[in-house]
Amino acid sequence: RLSDDIIEDLITNFNGPLVIDADGLYKL
């Protein structure tokens, strides 16, 4: 559950298809 900084970084900076699952969804 401490992965939210990674998820925010990916949403902002990765310009390809991004799949978010499991713990990555906790604070979506």
mmCIF file of all heavy atoms, coordinates in Angstrom:
data_MODEL
# 
_entry.id   MODEL 
# 
loop_
_atom_site.group_PDB 
_atom_site.id 
_atom_site.type_symbol 
_atom_site.label_atom_id 
_atom_site.label_alt_id 
_atom_site.label_comp_id 
_atom_site.label_asym_id 
_atom_site.label_entity_id 
_atom_site.label_seq_id 
_atom_site.pdbx_PDB_ins_code 
_atom_site.Cartn_x 
_atom_site.Cartn_y 
_atom_site.Cartn_z 
_atom_site.occupancy 
_atom_site.B_iso_or_equiv 
_atom_site.pdbx_formal_charge 
_atom_site.auth_seq_id 
_atom_site.auth_comp_id 
_atom_site.auth_asym_id 
_atom_site.auth_atom_id 
_atom_site.pdbx_PDB_model_num 
ATOM 1   N N   . ARG A 1 1  ? 0.797  -1.220 0.000   1.00 0.00 ? 1  ARG A N   1 
ATOM 2   C CA  . ARG A 1 1  ? 0.000  0.000  0.000   1.00 0.00 ? 1  ARG A CA  1 
ATOM 3   C C   . ARG A 1 1  ? 0.835  1.277  0.000   1.00 0.00 ? 1  ARG A C   1 
ATOM 4   O O   . ARG A 1 1  ? 0.287  2.373  -0.040  1.00 0.00 ? 1  ARG A O   1 
ATOM 5   C CB  . ARG A 1 1  ? -0.922 -0.018 1.228   1.00 0.00 ? 1  ARG A CB  1 
ATOM 6   C CG  . ARG A 1 1  ? -1.933 -1.160 1.194   1.00 0.00 ? 1  ARG A CG  1 
ATOM 7   C CD  . ARG A 1 1  ? -3.008 -0.914 0.155   1.00 0.00 ? 1  ARG A CD  1 
ATOM 8   N NE  . ARG A 1 1  ? -3.800 -2.097 -0.105  1.00 0.00 ? 1  ARG A NE  1 
ATOM 9   C CZ  . ARG A 1 1  ? -4.794 -2.536 0.659   1.00 0.00 ? 1  ARG A CZ  1 
ATOM 10  N NH1 . ARG A 1 1  ? -5.072 -1.909 1.781   1.00 0.00 ? 1  ARG A NH1 1 
ATOM 11  N NH2 . ARG A 1 1  ? -5.488 -3.600 0.307   1.00 0.00 ? 1  ARG A NH2 1 
ATOM 12  N N   . LEU A 1 2  ? 2.153  1.162  0.081   1.00 0.00 ? 2  LEU A N   1 
ATOM 13  C CA  . LEU A 1 2  ? 3.006  2.348  0.111   1.00 0.00 ? 2  LEU A CA  1 
ATOM 14  C C   . LEU A 1 2  ? 3.553  2.695  -1.266  1.00 0.00 ? 2  LEU A C   1 
ATOM 15  O O   . LEU A 1 2  ? 4.574  3.346  -1.399  1.00 0.00 ? 2  LEU A O   1 
ATOM 16  C CB  . LEU A 1 2  ? 4.160  2.134  1.103   1.00 0.00 ? 2  LEU A CB  1 
ATOM 17  C CG  . LEU A 1 2  ? 3.747  1.854  2.540   1.00 0.00 ? 2  LEU A CG  1 
ATOM 18  C CD1 . LEU A 1 2  ? 4.980  1.588  3.407   1.00 0.00 ? 2  LEU A CD1 1 
ATOM 19  C CD2 . LEU A 1 2  ? 2.940  3.007  3.120   1.00 0.00 ? 2  LEU A CD2 1 
ATOM 20  N N   . SER A 1 3  ? 2.832  2.271  -2.301  1.00 0.00 ? 3  SER A N   1 
ATOM 21  C CA  . SER A 1 3  ? 3.336  2.411  -3.666  1.00 0.00 ? 3  SER A CA  1 
ATOM 22  C C   . SER A 1 3  ? 2.773  3.609  -4.402  1.00 0.00 ? 3  SER A C   1 
ATOM 23  O O   . SER A 1 3  ? 3.012  3.765  -5.595  1.00 0.00 ? 3  SER A O   1 
ATOM 24  C CB  . SER A 1 3  ? 2.991  1.144  -4.455  1.00 0.00 ? 3  SER A CB  1 
ATOM 25  O OG  . SER A 1 3  ? 1.581  0.971  -4.496  1.00 0.00 ? 3  SER A OG  1 
ATOM 26  N N   . ASP A 1 4  ? 2.027  4.487  -3.725  1.00 0.00 ? 4  ASP A N   1 
ATOM 27  C CA  . ASP A 1 4  ? 1.264  5.502  -4.445  1.00 0.00 ? 4  ASP A CA  1 
ATOM 28  C C   . ASP A 1 4  ? 2.141  6.509  -5.182  1.00 0.00 ? 4  ASP A C   1 
ATOM 29  O O   . ASP A 1 4  ? 1.741  7.018  -6.236  1.00 0.00 ? 4  ASP A O   1 
ATOM 30  C CB  . ASP A 1 4  ? 0.326  6.223  -3.479  1.00 0.00 ? 4  ASP A CB  1 
ATOM 31  C CG  . ASP A 1 4  ? -0.762 6.971  -4.223  1.00 0.00 ? 4  ASP A CG  1 
ATOM 32  O OD1 . ASP A 1 4  ? -1.452 6.333  -5.050  1.00 0.00 ? 4  ASP A OD1 1 
ATOM 33  O OD2 . ASP A 1 4  ? -0.912 8.182  -4.007  1.00 0.00 ? 4  ASP A OD2 1 
ATOM 34  N N   . ASP A 1 5  ? 3.316  6.820  -4.671  1.00 0.00 ? 5  ASP A N   1 
ATOM 35  C CA  . ASP A 1 5  ? 4.200  7.744  -5.385  1.00 0.00 ? 5  ASP A CA  1 
ATOM 36  C C   . ASP A 1 5  ? 4.590  7.172  -6.745  1.00 0.00 ? 5  ASP A C   1 
ATOM 37  O O   . ASP A 1 5  ? 4.693  7.916  -7.735  1.00 0.00 ? 5  ASP A O   1 
ATOM 38  C CB  . ASP A 1 5  ? 5.452  8.037  -4.564  1.00 0.00 ? 5  ASP A CB  1 
ATOM 39  C CG  . ASP A 1 5  ? 5.171  8.928  -3.359  1.00 0.00 ? 5  ASP A CG  1 
ATOM 40  O OD1 . ASP A 1 5  ? 4.081  9.521  -3.311  1.00 0.00 ? 5  ASP A OD1 1 
ATOM 41  O OD2 . ASP A 1 5  ? 6.034  9.003  -2.470  1.00 0.00 ? 5  ASP A OD2 1 
ATOM 42  N N   . ILE A 1 6  ? 4.809  5.872  -6.801  1.00 0.00 ? 6  ILE A N   1 
ATOM 43  C CA  . ILE A 1 6  ? 5.140  5.224  -8.074  1.00 0.00 ? 6  ILE A CA  1 
ATOM 44  C C   . ILE A 1 6  ? 3.978  5.357  -9.041  1.00 0.00 ? 6  ILE A C   1 
ATOM 45  O O   . ILE A 1 6  ? 4.158  5.679  -10.229 1.00 0.00 ? 6  ILE A O   1 
ATOM 46  C CB  . ILE A 1 6  ? 5.480  3.740  -7.855  1.00 0.00 ? 6  ILE A CB  1 
ATOM 47  C CG1 . ILE A 1 6  ? 6.763  3.594  -7.040  1.00 0.00 ? 6  ILE A CG1 1 
ATOM 48  C CG2 . ILE A 1 6  ? 5.596  2.995  -9.184  1.00 0.00 ? 6  ILE A CG2 1 
ATOM 49  C CD1 . ILE A 1 6  ? 7.081  2.167  -6.647  1.00 0.00 ? 6  ILE A CD1 1 
ATOM 50  N N   . ILE A 1 7  ? 2.753  5.113  -8.569  1.00 0.00 ? 7  ILE A N   1 
ATOM 51  C CA  . ILE A 1 7  ? 1.578  5.187  -9.428  1.00 0.00 ? 7  ILE A CA  1 
ATOM 52  C C   . ILE A 1 7  ? 1.383  6.601  -9.958  1.00 0.00 ? 7  ILE A C   1 
ATOM 53  O O   . ILE A 1 7  ? 1.119  6.809  -11.156 1.00 0.00 ? 7  ILE A O   1 
ATOM 54  C CB  . ILE A 1 7  ? 0.322  4.721  -8.660  1.00 0.00 ? 7  ILE A CB  1 
ATOM 55  C CG1 . ILE A 1 7  ? 0.494  3.273  -8.192  1.00 0.00 ? 7  ILE A CG1 1 
ATOM 56  C CG2 . ILE A 1 7  ? -0.925 4.871  -9.519  1.00 0.00 ? 7  ILE A CG2 1 
ATOM 57  C CD1 . ILE A 1 7  ? 0.794  2.272  -9.287  1.00 0.00 ? 7  ILE A CD1 1 
ATOM 58  N N   . GLU A 1 8  ? 1.545  7.586  -9.093  1.00 0.00 ? 8  GLU A N   1 
ATOM 59  C CA  . GLU A 1 8  ? 1.407  8.982  -9.532  1.00 0.00 ? 8  GLU A CA  1 
ATOM 60  C C   . GLU A 1 8  ? 2.448  9.331  -10.592 1.00 0.00 ? 8  GLU A C   1 
ATOM 61  O O   . GLU A 1 8  ? 2.136  9.996  -11.595 1.00 0.00 ? 8  GLU A O   1 
ATOM 62  C CB  . GLU A 1 8  ? 1.544  9.918  -8.333  1.00 0.00 ? 8  GLU A CB  1 
ATOM 63  C CG  . GLU A 1 8  ? 1.363  11.383 -8.680  1.00 0.00 ? 8  GLU A CG  1 
ATOM 64  C CD  . GLU A 1 8  ? 1.394  12.288 -7.461  1.00 0.00 ? 8  GLU A CD  1 
ATOM 65  O OE1 . GLU A 1 8  ? 1.264  11.770 -6.340  1.00 0.00 ? 8  GLU A OE1 1 
ATOM 66  O OE2 . GLU A 1 8  ? 1.544  13.516 -7.645  1.00 0.00 ? 8  GLU A OE2 1 
ATOM 67  N N   . ASP A 1 9  ? 3.668  8.871  -10.389 1.00 0.00 ? 9  ASP A N   1 
ATOM 68  C CA  . ASP A 1 9  ? 4.749  9.120  -11.349 1.00 0.00 ? 9  ASP A CA  1 
ATOM 69  C C   . ASP A 1 9  ? 4.414  8.482  -12.700 1.00 0.00 ? 9  ASP A C   1 
ATOM 70  O O   . ASP A 1 9  ? 4.584  9.102  -13.763 1.00 0.00 ? 9  ASP A O   1 
ATOM 71  C CB  . ASP A 1 9  ? 6.052  8.540  -10.793 1.00 0.00 ? 9  ASP A CB  1 
ATOM 72  C CG  . ASP A 1 9  ? 7.282  9.035  -11.538 1.00 0.00 ? 9  ASP A CG  1 
ATOM 73  O OD1 . ASP A 1 9  ? 7.153  9.525  -12.669 1.00 0.00 ? 9  ASP A OD1 1 
ATOM 74  O OD2 . ASP A 1 9  ? 8.390  8.900  -10.988 1.00 0.00 ? 9  ASP A OD2 1 
ATOM 75  N N   . LEU A 1 10 ? 3.920  7.256  -12.681 1.00 0.00 ? 10 LEU A N   1 
ATOM 76  C CA  . LEU A 1 10 ? 3.589  6.565  -13.931 1.00 0.00 ? 10 LEU A CA  1 
ATOM 77  C C   . LEU A 1 10 ? 2.455  7.260  -14.674 1.00 0.00 ? 10 LEU A C   1 
ATOM 78  O O   . LEU A 1 10 ? 2.518  7.434  -15.907 1.00 0.00 ? 10 LEU A O   1 
ATOM 79  C CB  . LEU A 1 10 ? 3.189  5.115  -13.633 1.00 0.00 ? 10 LEU A CB  1 
ATOM 80  C CG  . LEU A 1 10 ? 4.314  4.177  -13.211 1.00 0.00 ? 10 LEU A CG  1 
ATOM 81  C CD1 . LEU A 1 10 ? 3.735  2.866  -12.693 1.00 0.00 ? 10 LEU A CD1 1 
ATOM 82  C CD2 . LEU A 1 10 ? 5.256  3.913  -14.379 1.00 0.00 ? 10 LEU A CD2 1 
ATOM 83  N N   . ILE A 1 11 ? 1.411  7.621  -13.969 1.00 0.00 ? 11 ILE A N   1 
ATOM 84  C CA  . ILE A 1 11 ? 0.279  8.289  -14.615 1.00 0.00 ? 11 ILE A CA  1 
ATOM 85  C C   . ILE A 1 11 ? 0.737  9.578  -15.288 1.00 0.00 ? 11 ILE A C   1 
ATOM 86  O O   . ILE A 1 11 ? 0.317  9.909  -16.406 1.00 0.00 ? 11 ILE A O   1 
ATOM 87  C CB  . ILE A 1 11 ? -0.831 8.592  -13.576 1.00 0.00 ? 11 ILE A CB  1 
ATOM 88  C CG1 . ILE A 1 11 ? -1.468 7.291  -13.089 1.00 0.00 ? 11 ILE A CG1 1 
ATOM 89  C CG2 . ILE A 1 11 ? -1.896 9.512  -14.172 1.00 0.00 ? 11 ILE A CG2 1 
ATOM 90  C CD1 . ILE A 1 11 ? -2.391 7.471  -11.900 1.00 0.00 ? 11 ILE A CD1 1 
ATOM 91  N N   . THR A 1 12 ? 1.651  10.276 -14.643 1.00 0.00 ? 12 THR A N   1 
ATOM 92  C CA  . THR A 1 12 ? 2.105  11.573 -15.138 1.00 0.00 ? 12 THR A CA  1 
ATOM 93  C C   . THR A 1 12 ? 3.133  11.449 -16.247 1.00 0.00 ? 12 THR A C   1 
ATOM 94  O O   . THR A 1 12 ? 3.092  12.207 -17.233 1.00 0.00 ? 12 THR A O   1 
ATOM 95  C CB  . THR A 1 12 ? 2.707  12.395 -13.983 1.00 0.00 ? 12 THR A CB  1 
ATOM 96  O OG1 . THR A 1 12 ? 1.746  12.502 -12.930 1.00 0.00 ? 12 THR A OG1 1 
ATOM 97  C CG2 . THR A 1 12 ? 3.112  13.778 -14.451 1.00 0.00 ? 12 THR A CG2 1 
ATOM 98  N N   . ASN A 1 13 ? 4.068  10.489 -16.119 1.00 0.00 ? 13 ASN A N   1 
ATOM 99  C CA  . ASN A 1 13 ? 5.268  10.519 -16.956 1.00 0.00 ? 13 ASN A CA  1 
ATOM 100 C C   . ASN A 1 13 ? 5.405  9.390  -17.970 1.00 0.00 ? 13 ASN A C   1 
ATOM 101 O O   . ASN A 1 13 ? 6.243  9.499  -18.875 1.00 0.00 ? 13 ASN A O   1 
ATOM 102 C CB  . ASN A 1 13 ? 6.511  10.522 -16.056 1.00 0.00 ? 13 ASN A CB  1 
ATOM 103 C CG  . ASN A 1 13 ? 6.592  11.770 -15.203 1.00 0.00 ? 13 ASN A CG  1 
ATOM 104 O OD1 . ASN A 1 13 ? 6.341  12.870 -15.675 1.00 0.00 ? 13 ASN A OD1 1 
ATOM 105 N ND2 . ASN A 1 13 ? 6.923  11.606 -13.923 1.00 0.00 ? 13 ASN A ND2 1 
ATOM 106 N N   . PHE A 1 14 ? 4.628  8.307  -17.859 1.00 0.00 ? 14 PHE A N   1 
ATOM 107 C CA  . PHE A 1 14 ? 4.770  7.241  -18.845 1.00 0.00 ? 14 PHE A CA  1 
ATOM 108 C C   . PHE A 1 14 ? 3.779  7.464  -19.980 1.00 0.00 ? 14 PHE A C   1 
ATOM 109 O O   . PHE A 1 14 ? 2.569  7.513  -19.768 1.00 0.00 ? 14 PHE A O   1 
ATOM 110 C CB  . PHE A 1 14 ? 4.554  5.858  -18.226 1.00 0.00 ? 14 PHE A CB  1 
ATOM 111 C CG  . PHE A 1 14 ? 4.706  4.744  -19.222 1.00 0.00 ? 14 PHE A CG  1 
ATOM 112 C CD1 . PHE A 1 14 ? 5.893  4.590  -19.929 1.00 0.00 ? 14 PHE A CD1 1 
ATOM 113 C CD2 . PHE A 1 14 ? 3.657  3.869  -19.480 1.00 0.00 ? 14 PHE A CD2 1 
ATOM 114 C CE1 . PHE A 1 14 ? 6.034  3.584  -20.879 1.00 0.00 ? 14 PHE A CE1 1 
ATOM 115 C CE2 . PHE A 1 14 ? 3.790  2.853  -20.409 1.00 0.00 ? 14 PHE A CE2 1 
ATOM 116 C CZ  . PHE A 1 14 ? 4.982  2.716  -21.110 1.00 0.00 ? 14 PHE A CZ  1 
ATOM 117 N N   . ASN A 1 15 ? 4.296  7.559  -21.196 1.00 0.00 ? 15 ASN A N   1 
ATOM 118 C CA  . ASN A 1 15 ? 3.476  7.937  -22.341 1.00 0.00 ? 15 ASN A CA  1 
ATOM 119 C C   . ASN A 1 15 ? 3.018  6.758  -23.193 1.00 0.00 ? 15 ASN A C   1 
ATOM 120 O O   . ASN A 1 15 ? 2.575  6.957  -24.333 1.00 0.00 ? 15 ASN A O   1 
ATOM 121 C CB  . ASN A 1 15 ? 4.242  8.940  -23.222 1.00 0.00 ? 15 ASN A CB  1 
ATOM 122 C CG  . ASN A 1 15 ? 4.464  10.261 -22.512 1.00 0.00 ? 15 ASN A CG  1 
ATOM 123 O OD1 . ASN A 1 15 ? 3.570  10.759 -21.826 1.00 0.00 ? 15 ASN A OD1 1 
ATOM 124 N ND2 . ASN A 1 15 ? 5.652  10.825 -22.662 1.00 0.00 ? 15 ASN A ND2 1 
ATOM 125 N N   . GLY A 1 16 ? 3.110  5.559  -22.651 1.00 0.00 ? 16 GLY A N   1 
ATOM 126 C CA  . GLY A 1 16 ? 2.589  4.388  -23.346 1.00 0.00 ? 16 GLY A CA  1 
ATOM 127 C C   . GLY A 1 16 ? 1.426  3.798  -22.575 1.00 0.00 ? 16 GLY A C   1 
ATOM 128 O O   . GLY A 1 16 ? 1.027  4.314  -21.532 1.00 0.00 ? 16 GLY A O   1 
ATOM 129 N N   . PRO A 1 17 ? 0.869  2.691  -23.080 1.00 0.00 ? 17 PRO A N   1 
ATOM 130 C CA  . PRO A 1 17 ? -0.221 2.032  -22.362 1.00 0.00 ? 17 PRO A CA  1 
ATOM 131 C C   . PRO A 1 17 ? 0.218  1.603  -20.964 1.00 0.00 ? 17 PRO A C   1 
ATOM 132 O O   . PRO A 1 17 ? 1.270  0.988  -20.793 1.00 0.00 ? 17 PRO A O   1 
ATOM 133 C CB  . PRO A 1 17 ? -0.540 0.822  -23.241 1.00 0.00 ? 17 PRO A CB  1 
ATOM 134 C CG  . PRO A 1 17 ? -0.062 1.200  -24.604 1.00 0.00 ? 17 PRO A CG  1 
ATOM 135 C CD  . PRO A 1 17 ? 1.152  2.041  -24.370 1.00 0.00 ? 17 PRO A CD  1 
ATOM 136 N N   . LEU A 1 18 ? -0.601 1.916  -19.982 1.00 0.00 ? 18 LEU A N   1 
ATOM 137 C CA  . LEU A 1 18 ? -0.294 1.643  -18.578 1.00 0.00 ? 18 LEU A CA  1 
ATOM 138 C C   . LEU A 1 18 ? -1.431 0.835  -17.967 1.00 0.00 ? 18 LEU A C   1 
ATOM 139 O O   . LEU A 1 18 ? -2.596 1.240  -18.033 1.00 0.00 ? 18 LEU A O   1 
ATOM 140 C CB  . LEU A 1 18 ? -0.122 2.964  -17.815 1.00 0.00 ? 18 LEU A CB  1 
ATOM 141 C CG  . LEU A 1 18 ? 0.028  2.893  -16.296 1.00 0.00 ? 18 LEU A CG  1 
ATOM 142 C CD1 . LEU A 1 18 ? 1.278  2.125  -15.909 1.00 0.00 ? 18 LEU A CD1 1 
ATOM 143 C CD2 . LEU A 1 18 ? 0.049  4.306  -15.704 1.00 0.00 ? 18 LEU A CD2 1 
ATOM 144 N N   . VAL A 1 19 ? -1.087 -0.324 -17.386 1.00 0.00 ? 19 VAL A N   1 
ATOM 145 C CA  . VAL A 1 19 ? -2.054 -1.170 -16.697 1.00 0.00 ? 19 VAL A CA  1 
ATOM 146 C C   . VAL A 1 19 ? -1.819 -1.040 -15.197 1.00 0.00 ? 19 VAL A C   1 
ATOM 147 O O   . VAL A 1 19 ? -0.702 -1.254 -14.719 1.00 0.00 ? 19 VAL A O   1 
ATOM 148 C CB  . VAL A 1 19 ? -1.907 -2.654 -17.116 1.00 0.00 ? 19 VAL A CB  1 
ATOM 149 C CG1 . VAL A 1 19 ? -2.962 -3.514 -16.400 1.00 0.00 ? 19 VAL A CG1 1 
ATOM 150 C CG2 . VAL A 1 19 ? -2.021 -2.808 -18.630 1.00 0.00 ? 19 VAL A CG2 1 
ATOM 151 N N   . ILE A 1 20 ? -2.860 -0.675 -14.446 1.00 0.00 ? 20 ILE A N   1 
ATOM 152 C CA  . ILE A 1 20 ? -2.749 -0.568 -12.996 1.00 0.00 ? 20 ILE A CA  1 
ATOM 153 C C   . ILE A 1 20 ? -3.672 -1.596 -12.359 1.00 0.00 ? 20 ILE A C   1 
ATOM 154 O O   . ILE A 1 20 ? -4.867 -1.663 -12.679 1.00 0.00 ? 20 ILE A O   1 
ATOM 155 C CB  . ILE A 1 20 ? -3.099 0.850  -12.498 1.00 0.00 ? 20 ILE A CB  1 
ATOM 156 C CG1 . ILE A 1 20 ? -2.167 1.886  -13.136 1.00 0.00 ? 20 ILE A CG1 1 
ATOM 157 C CG2 . ILE A 1 20 ? -2.990 0.923  -10.975 1.00 0.00 ? 20 ILE A CG2 1 
ATOM 158 C CD1 . ILE A 1 20 ? -2.472 3.315  -12.715 1.00 0.00 ? 20 ILE A CD1 1 
ATOM 159 N N   . ASP A 1 21 ? -3.114 -2.375 -11.439 1.00 0.00 ? 21 ASP A N   1 
ATOM 160 C CA  . ASP A 1 21 ? -3.847 -3.477 -10.821 1.00 0.00 ? 21 ASP A CA  1 
ATOM 161 C C   . ASP A 1 21 ? -3.541 -3.510 -9.324  1.00 0.00 ? 21 ASP A C   1 
ATOM 162 O O   . ASP A 1 21 ? -2.581 -2.885 -8.851  1.00 0.00 ? 21 ASP A O   1 
ATOM 163 C CB  . ASP A 1 21 ? -3.410 -4.794 -11.490 1.00 0.00 ? 21 ASP A CB  1 
ATOM 164 C CG  . ASP A 1 21 ? -4.112 -6.013 -10.940 1.00 0.00 ? 21 ASP A CG  1 
ATOM 165 O OD1 . ASP A 1 21 ? -5.297 -5.892 -10.552 1.00 0.00 ? 21 ASP A OD1 1 
ATOM 166 O OD2 . ASP A 1 21 ? -3.497 -7.090 -10.877 1.00 0.00 ? 21 ASP A OD2 1 
ATOM 167 N N   . ALA A 1 22 ? -4.346 -4.238 -8.597  1.00 0.00 ? 22 ALA A N   1 
ATOM 168 C CA  . ALA A 1 22 ? -4.063 -4.631 -7.211  1.00 0.00 ? 22 ALA A CA  1 
ATOM 169 C C   . ALA A 1 22 ? -3.723 -3.431 -6.331  1.00 0.00 ? 22 ALA A C   1 
ATOM 170 O O   . ALA A 1 22 ? -4.488 -2.476 -6.269  1.00 0.00 ? 22 ALA A O   1 
ATOM 171 C CB  . ALA A 1 22 ? -2.952 -5.686 -7.208  1.00 0.00 ? 22 ALA A CB  1 
ATOM 172 N N   . ASP A 1 23 ? -2.581 -3.481 -5.642  1.00 0.00 ? 23 ASP A N   1 
ATOM 173 C CA  . ASP A 1 23 ? -2.220 -2.407 -4.709  1.00 0.00 ? 23 ASP A CA  1 
ATOM 174 C C   . ASP A 1 23 ? -2.075 -1.059 -5.398  1.00 0.00 ? 23 ASP A C   1 
ATOM 175 O O   . ASP A 1 23 ? -2.202 -0.014 -4.745  1.00 0.00 ? 23 ASP A O   1 
ATOM 176 C CB  . ASP A 1 23 ? -0.915 -2.756 -3.985  1.00 0.00 ? 23 ASP A CB  1 
ATOM 177 C CG  . ASP A 1 23 ? -1.110 -3.883 -2.976  1.00 0.00 ? 23 ASP A CG  1 
ATOM 178 O OD1 . ASP A 1 23 ? -2.156 -3.911 -2.319  1.00 0.00 ? 23 ASP A OD1 1 
ATOM 179 O OD2 . ASP A 1 23 ? -0.218 -4.737 -2.866  1.00 0.00 ? 23 ASP A OD2 1 
ATOM 180 N N   . GLY A 1 24 ? -1.823 -1.055 -6.684  1.00 0.00 ? 24 GLY A N   1 
ATOM 181 C CA  . GLY A 1 24 ? -1.741 0.203  -7.420  1.00 0.00 ? 24 GLY A CA  1 
ATOM 182 C C   . GLY A 1 24 ? -3.057 0.954  -7.489  1.00 0.00 ? 24 GLY A C   1 
ATOM 183 O O   . GLY A 1 24 ? -3.081 2.155  -7.773  1.00 0.00 ? 24 GLY A O   1 
ATOM 184 N N   . LEU A 1 25 ? -4.160 0.249  -7.222  1.00 0.00 ? 25 LEU A N   1 
ATOM 185 C CA  . LEU A 1 25 ? -5.483 0.869  -7.294  1.00 0.00 ? 25 LEU A CA  1 
ATOM 186 C C   . LEU A 1 25 ? -5.929 1.492  -5.982  1.00 0.00 ? 25 LEU A C   1 
ATOM 187 O O   . LEU A 1 25 ? -6.968 2.151  -5.935  1.00 0.00 ? 25 LEU A O   1 
ATOM 188 C CB  . LEU A 1 25 ? -6.522 -0.185 -7.714  1.00 0.00 ? 25 LEU A CB  1 
ATOM 189 C CG  . LEU A 1 25 ? -6.333 -0.819 -9.086  1.00 0.00 ? 25 LEU A CG  1 
ATOM 190 C CD1 . LEU A 1 25 ? -7.276 -2.005 -9.250  1.00 0.00 ? 25 LEU A CD1 1 
ATOM 191 C CD2 . LEU A 1 25 ? -6.564 0.213  -10.190 1.00 0.00 ? 25 LEU A CD2 1 
ATOM 192 N N   . TYR A 1 26 ? -5.177 1.275  -4.923  1.00 0.00 ? 26 TYR A N   1 
ATOM 193 C CA  . TYR A 1 26 ? -5.653 1.596  -3.583  1.00 0.00 ? 26 TYR A CA  1 
ATOM 194 C C   . TYR A 1 26 ? -6.039 3.069  -3.429  1.00 0.00 ? 26 TYR A C   1 
ATOM 195 O O   . TYR A 1 26 ? -7.054 3.399  -2.810  1.00 0.00 ? 26 TYR A O   1 
ATOM 196 C CB  . TYR A 1 26 ? -4.594 1.212  -2.545  1.00 0.00 ? 26 TYR A CB  1 
ATOM 197 C CG  . TYR A 1 26 ? -5.089 1.309  -1.125  1.00 0.00 ? 26 TYR A CG  1 
ATOM 198 C CD1 . TYR A 1 26 ? -6.096 0.470  -0.662  1.00 0.00 ? 26 TYR A CD1 1 
ATOM 199 C CD2 . TYR A 1 26 ? -4.563 2.249  -0.248  1.00 0.00 ? 26 TYR A CD2 1 
ATOM 200 C CE1 . TYR A 1 26 ? -6.563 0.560  0.635   1.00 0.00 ? 26 TYR A CE1 1 
ATOM 201 C CE2 . TYR A 1 26 ? -5.017 2.346  1.052   1.00 0.00 ? 26 TYR A CE2 1 
ATOM 202 C CZ  . TYR A 1 26 ? -6.022 1.492  1.494   1.00 0.00 ? 26 TYR A CZ  1 
ATOM 203 O OH  . TYR A 1 26 ? -6.493 1.592  2.770   1.00 0.00 ? 26 TYR A OH  1 
ATOM 204 N N   . LYS A 1 27 ? -5.251 3.986  -3.985  1.00 0.00 ? 27 LYS A N   1 
ATOM 205 C CA  . LYS A 1 27 ? -5.548 5.413  -3.875  1.00 0.00 ? 27 LYS A CA  1 
ATOM 206 C C   . LYS A 1 27 ? -5.814 6.045  -5.238  1.00 0.00 ? 27 LYS A C   1 
ATOM 207 O O   . LYS A 1 27 ? -5.632 7.252  -5.422  1.00 0.00 ? 27 LYS A O   1 
ATOM 208 C CB  . LYS A 1 27 ? -4.383 6.145  -3.186  1.00 0.00 ? 27 LYS A CB  1 
ATOM 209 C CG  . LYS A 1 27 ? -4.164 5.741  -1.744  1.00 0.00 ? 27 LYS A CG  1 
ATOM 210 C CD  . LYS A 1 27 ? -3.047 6.561  -1.115  1.00 0.00 ? 27 LYS A CD  1 
ATOM 211 C CE  . LYS A 1 27 ? -2.849 6.176  0.350   1.00 0.00 ? 27 LYS A CE  1 
ATOM 212 N NZ  . LYS A 1 27 ? -1.741 6.956  0.967   1.00 0.00 ? 27 LYS A NZ  1 
ATOM 213 N N   . LEU A 1 28 ? -6.299 5.250  -6.176  1.00 0.00 ? 28 LEU A N   1 
ATOM 214 C CA  . LEU A 1 28 ? -6.459 5.744  -7.543  1.00 0.00 ? 28 LEU A CA  1 
ATOM 215 C C   . LEU A 1 28 ? -7.394 6.947  -7.609  1.00 0.00 ? 28 LEU A C   1 
ATOM 216 O O   . LEU A 1 28 ? -7.162 7.883  -8.372  1.00 0.00 ? 28 LEU A O   1 
ATOM 217 C CB  . LEU A 1 28 ? -6.985 4.629  -8.448  1.00 0.00 ? 28 LEU A CB  1 
ATOM 218 C CG  . LEU A 1 28 ? -6.903 4.947  -9.942  1.00 0.00 ? 28 LEU A CG  1 
ATOM 219 C CD1 . LEU A 1 28 ? -5.470 4.804  -10.434 1.00 0.00 ? 28 LEU A CD1 1 
ATOM 220 C CD2 . LEU A 1 28 ? -7.826 4.033  -10.751 1.00 0.00 ? 28 LEU A CD2 1 
# 
